[in-house]
Amino acid sequence: MSLPELDLSIIPTWRQGYRFQFEPAQNAYVLLYPEGMIKLNQSASEIGQHIDGQNSIADIIQKVTAKFGDIPEIKQDIIEYMLVAQREHWIDLA
């Protein structure tokens, strides 16, 4: 499966009004926004922890790979996450 084209030097940021945080009541990371909350799975949580306005997509790939090892799907999974999160208006890719 080929990777979609995405500039890995882009620094993703959470959109205004969205907040990523650990929610003890859910025992999970969540994305809070004015209309509600999204409980994130483990993969999305790992990626989300590195969306801080400082890390590029390439940096995030490197950090997640360093934690979990050189799993071939990591890069593709992170790129797909970024594209879905952008489509759902959770993040800005600028």
Protein backbone atom coordinates (compact mmCIF):
# COMPACT_ATOMS: atom_id res chain seq x y z
CA MET A 1 0.00 0.00 0.00
CA SER A 2 1.49 3.33 -0.99
CA LEU A 3 1.67 6.21 1.42
CA PRO A 4 -0.38 9.30 0.66
CA GLU A 5 1.71 12.37 -0.11
CA LEU A 6 2.25 14.51 2.97
CA ASP A 7 5.06 16.93 3.72
CA LEU A 8 6.72 15.41 6.79
CA SER A 9 8.23 18.78 7.76
CA ILE A 10 4.73 20.11 8.60
CA ILE A 11 4.19 20.82 12.30
CA PRO A 12 0.67 19.71 13.26
CA THR A 13 -1.25 21.67 15.89
CA TRP A 14 -4.54 21.03 17.64
CA ARG A 15 -7.24 23.30 16.26
CA GLN A 16 -8.41 26.18 18.38
CA GLY A 17 -10.97 24.91 20.88
CA TYR A 18 -9.55 21.36 20.92
CA ARG A 19 -7.59 20.07 23.90
CA PHE A 20 -5.72 16.76 24.16
CA GLN A 21 -5.42 15.45 27.70
CA PHE A 22 -5.43 12.36 29.90
CA GLU A 23 -8.83 11.88 31.49
CA PRO A 24 -8.65 9.76 34.67
CA ALA A 25 -12.40 9.05 34.63
CA GLN A 26 -11.98 7.47 31.17
CA ASN A 27 -8.55 5.99 32.00
CA ALA A 28 -7.54 7.18 28.55
CA TYR A 29 -6.40 10.15 26.55
CA VAL A 30 -9.24 12.19 25.14
CA LEU A 31 -9.72 15.08 22.77
CA LEU A 32 -12.02 17.68 24.28
CA TYR A 33 -13.84 20.15 22.09
CA PRO A 34 -16.84 22.47 22.56
CA GLU A 35 -19.41 19.91 21.40
CA GLY A 36 -18.05 16.96 23.37
CA MET A 37 -15.21 14.52 23.82
CA ILE A 38 -13.49 11.83 21.77
CA LYS A 39 -11.90 8.94 23.65
CA LEU A 40 -8.72 8.00 21.78
CA ASN A 41 -7.33 4.52 21.31
CA GLN A 42 -3.75 3.69 22.30
CA SER A 43 -2.28 4.43 18.87
CA ALA A 44 -4.00 7.80 18.57
CA SER A 45 -2.94 8.62 22.13
CA GLU A 46 0.71 7.87 21.40
CA ILE A 47 0.65 10.14 18.36
CA GLY A 48 -1.38 12.86 20.08
CA GLN A 49 1.12 13.16 22.92
CA HIS A 50 3.63 14.55 20.42
CA ILE A 51 1.33 17.12 18.76
CA ASP A 52 2.58 20.17 20.62
CA GLY A 53 3.23 22.83 18.00
CA GLN A 54 6.96 22.00 18.11
CA ASN A 55 7.27 18.53 16.56
CA SER A 56 7.03 18.01 12.82
CA ILE A 57 5.36 14.91 11.44
CA ALA A 58 8.88 13.51 10.82
CA ASP A 59 9.75 14.18 14.48
CA ILE A 60 6.60 12.39 15.63
CA ILE A 61 7.41 9.39 13.42
CA GLN A 62 10.92 9.30 14.90
CA LYS A 63 9.70 9.56 18.51
CA VAL A 64 7.03 6.87 18.15
CA THR A 65 9.49 4.61 16.32
CA ALA A 66 12.07 5.12 19.10
CA LYS A 67 9.49 4.01 21.67
CA PHE A 68 8.06 0.99 19.83
CA GLY A 69 10.88 -0.09 17.53
CA ASP A 70 11.18 -0.02 13.79
CA ILE A 71 7.75 -1.42 12.96
CA PRO A 72 7.14 -0.93 9.22
CA GLU A 73 3.53 0.28 9.68
CA ILE A 74 4.37 3.12 12.09
CA LYS A 75 5.10 5.72 9.41
CA GLN A 76 1.99 4.84 7.42
CA ASP A 77 -0.19 4.77 10.54
CA ILE A 78 1.00 8.23 11.63
CA ILE A 79 0.49 9.73 8.18
CA GLU A 80 -3.02 8.22 8.02
CA TYR A 81 -3.78 9.57 11.50
CA MET A 82 -2.68 13.07 10.46
CA LEU A 83 -4.86 12.97 7.35
CA VAL A 84 -7.92 11.68 9.26
CA ALA A 85 -7.40 14.19 12.09
CA GLN A 86 -7.15 17.00 9.54
CA ARG A 87 -10.27 15.79 7.71
CA GLU A 88 -12.16 15.62 11.05
CA HIS A 89 -10.93 19.16 11.86
CA TRP A 90 -9.03 18.07 15.01
CA ILE A 91 -5.67 19.39 13.80
CA ASP A 92 -4.25 21.98 11.46
CA LEU A 93 -1.45 21.01 9.10
CA ALA A 94 0.23 24.28 8.19
